[in-house]
Amino acid sequence: MTPTEKEYQIHLAKRNQQSQNAKSRNAEIINNKVMRNGTTTDNRIPNMRNAYSSVRNNDHQPTPEEIDFLRFTSGSFVDCK
């Protein structure tokens, strides 16, 4: 390999590296923008005590389909109060 061929190979490698660096910087900028715009600012936990107590005081009797669905989705025993 002559010195000019070697220099050309070095030039190509540097150009490829710069291109890859630019692509990764652009991807990082886009990802940061998505993360910044995709988060919500309202992190409060709603107070569900009144809703829960009204459900518990309603004496709702689940249908067999509801019981089967709860067993399927939770994997726990759901027949008790």
C-alpha atoms as a PDB file:
ATOM      1  CA  MET A   1       0.000   0.000   0.000  1.00  0.00           C
ATOM      2  CA  THR A   2       1.454   3.322  -1.000  1.00  0.00           C
ATOM      3  CA  PRO A   3       1.466   6.296   1.368  1.00  0.00           C
ATOM      4  CA  THR A   4      -1.342   7.971  -0.549  1.00  0.00           C
ATOM      5  CA  GLU A   5      -3.522   4.857  -0.349  1.00  0.00           C
ATOM      6  CA  LYS A   6      -2.861   4.634   3.371  1.00  0.00           C
ATOM      7  CA  GLU A   7      -3.739   8.293   3.859  1.00  0.00           C
ATOM      8  CA  TYR A   8      -6.899   7.796   1.829  1.00  0.00           C
ATOM      9  CA  GLN A   9      -7.914   4.825   4.007  1.00  0.00           C
ATOM     10  CA  ILE A  10      -7.291   6.926   7.122  1.00  0.00           C
ATOM     11  CA  HIS A  11      -9.364   9.736   5.609  1.00  0.00           C
ATOM     12  CA  LEU A  12     -12.255   7.330   4.864  1.00  0.00           C
ATOM     13  CA  ALA A  13     -12.126   5.899   8.384  1.00  0.00           C
ATOM     14  CA  LYS A  14     -12.203   9.380   9.928  1.00  0.00           C
ATOM     15  CA  ARG A  15     -15.096  10.416   7.675  1.00  0.00           C
ATOM     16  CA  ASN A  16     -17.076   7.298   8.606  1.00  0.00           C
ATOM     17  CA  GLN A  17     -16.396   7.886  12.297  1.00  0.00           C
ATOM     18  CA  GLN A  18     -17.544  11.514  12.038  1.00  0.00           C
ATOM     19  CA  SER A  19     -20.704  10.393  10.255  1.00  0.00           C
ATOM     20  CA  GLN A  20     -21.453   7.835  12.957  1.00  0.00           C
ATOM     21  CA  ASN A  21     -20.804  10.397  15.685  1.00  0.00           C
ATOM     22  CA  ALA A  22     -23.183  12.861  14.029  1.00  0.00           C
ATOM     23  CA  LYS A  23     -25.896  10.205  13.745  1.00  0.00           C
ATOM     24  CA  SER A  24     -25.556   9.234  17.394  1.00  0.00           C
ATOM     25  CA  ARG A  25     -25.639  12.904  18.492  1.00  0.00           C
ATOM     26  CA  ASN A  26     -28.804  13.466  16.449  1.00  0.00           C
ATOM     27  CA  ALA A  27     -30.419  10.352  17.908  1.00  0.00           C
ATOM     28  CA  GLU A  28     -29.507  11.506  21.419  1.00  0.00           C
ATOM     29  CA  ILE A  29     -31.029  14.944  20.792  1.00  0.00           C
ATOM     30  CA  ILE A  30     -34.246  13.386  19.492  1.00  0.00           C
ATOM     31  CA  ASN A  31     -34.431  10.929  22.415  1.00  0.00           C
ATOM     32  CA  ASN A  32     -33.899  13.707  24.937  1.00  0.00           C
ATOM     33  CA  LYS A  33     -36.648  15.781  23.309  1.00  0.00           C
ATOM     34  CA  VAL A  34     -39.069  12.835  23.396  1.00  0.00           C
ATOM     35  CA  MET A  35     -38.269  12.135  27.048  1.00  0.00           C
ATOM     36  CA  ARG A  36     -38.643  15.802  27.971  1.00  0.00           C
ATOM     37  CA  ASN A  37     -41.976  16.208  26.139  1.00  0.00           C
ATOM     38  CA  GLY A  38     -43.339  12.759  26.962  1.00  0.00           C
ATOM     39  CA  THR A  39     -43.413  13.066  30.719  1.00  0.00           C
ATOM     40  CA  THR A  40     -46.343  14.391  32.668  1.00  0.00           C
ATOM     41  CA  THR A  41     -45.986  17.041  35.298  1.00  0.00           C
ATOM     42  CA  ASP A  42     -48.934  15.944  37.455  1.00  0.00           C
ATOM     43  CA  ASN A  43     -47.636  13.238  39.782  1.00  0.00           C
ATOM     44  CA  ARG A  44     -50.253  13.533  42.512  1.00  0.00           C
ATOM     45  CA  ILE A  45     -51.881  10.341  43.774  1.00  0.00           C
ATOM     46  CA  PRO A  46     -55.675  10.663  43.721  1.00  0.00           C
ATOM     47  CA  ASN A  47     -57.557  10.118  46.971  1.00  0.00           C
ATOM     48  CA  MET A  48     -59.646   7.015  46.331  1.00  0.00           C
ATOM     49  CA  ARG A  49     -60.901   6.450  49.887  1.00  0.00           C
ATOM     50  CA  ASN A  50     -64.443   7.670  49.183  1.00  0.00           C
ATOM     51  CA  ALA A  51     -64.670   5.646  45.983  1.00  0.00           C
ATOM     52  CA  TYR A  52     -63.322   2.538  47.699  1.00  0.00           C
ATOM     53  CA  SER A  53     -65.678   2.850  50.664  1.00  0.00           C
ATOM     54  CA  SER A  54     -68.694   3.339  48.383  1.00  0.00           C
ATOM     55  CA  VAL A  55     -67.767   0.194  46.470  1.00  0.00           C
ATOM     56  CA  ARG A  56     -67.271  -1.791  49.690  1.00  0.00           C
ATOM     57  CA  ASN A  57     -70.586  -0.516  51.127  1.00  0.00           C
ATOM     58  CA  ASN A  58     -72.517  -1.332  47.951  1.00  0.00           C
ATOM     59  CA  ASP A  59     -72.515  -5.116  48.662  1.00  0.00           C
ATOM     60  CA  HIS A  60     -71.844  -5.889  45.015  1.00  0.00           C
ATOM     61  CA  GLN A  61     -72.157  -9.595  44.222  1.00  0.00           C
ATOM     62  CA  PRO A  62     -69.863 -10.428  41.306  1.00  0.00           C
ATOM     63  CA  THR A  63     -71.193 -12.632  38.543  1.00  0.00           C
ATOM     64  CA  PRO A  64     -69.460 -15.928  37.781  1.00  0.00           C
ATOM     65  CA  GLU A  65     -67.953 -14.296  34.678  1.00  0.00           C
ATOM     66  CA  GLU A  66     -66.473 -11.493  36.799  1.00  0.00           C
ATOM     67  CA  ILE A  67     -65.042 -14.002  39.278  1.00  0.00           C
ATOM     68  CA  ASP A  68     -63.520 -16.027  36.448  1.00  0.00           C
ATOM     69  CA  PHE A  69     -62.039 -12.879  34.904  1.00  0.00           C
ATOM     70  CA  LEU A  70     -60.569 -11.770  38.241  1.00  0.00           C
ATOM     71  CA  ARG A  71     -59.041 -15.213  38.781  1.00  0.00           C
ATOM     72  CA  PHE A  72     -57.594 -15.146  35.268  1.00  0.00           C
ATOM     73  CA  THR A  73     -56.102 -11.653  35.532  1.00  0.00           C
ATOM     74  CA  SER A  74     -54.927 -11.558  39.162  1.00  0.00           C
ATOM     75  CA  GLY A  75     -53.994 -15.143  39.880  1.00  0.00           C
ATOM     76  CA  SER A  76     -55.370 -14.836  43.404  1.00  0.00           C
ATOM     77  CA  PHE A  77     -58.383 -16.065  45.329  1.00  0.00           C
ATOM     78  CA  VAL A  78     -61.134 -13.492  44.759  1.00  0.00           C
ATOM     79  CA  ASP A  79     -64.280 -15.185  46.077  1.00  0.00           C
ATOM     80  CA  CYS A  80     -64.021 -13.613  49.517  1.00  0.00           C
ATOM     81  CA  LYS A  81     -65.046 -10.088  50.530  1.00  0.00           C
END
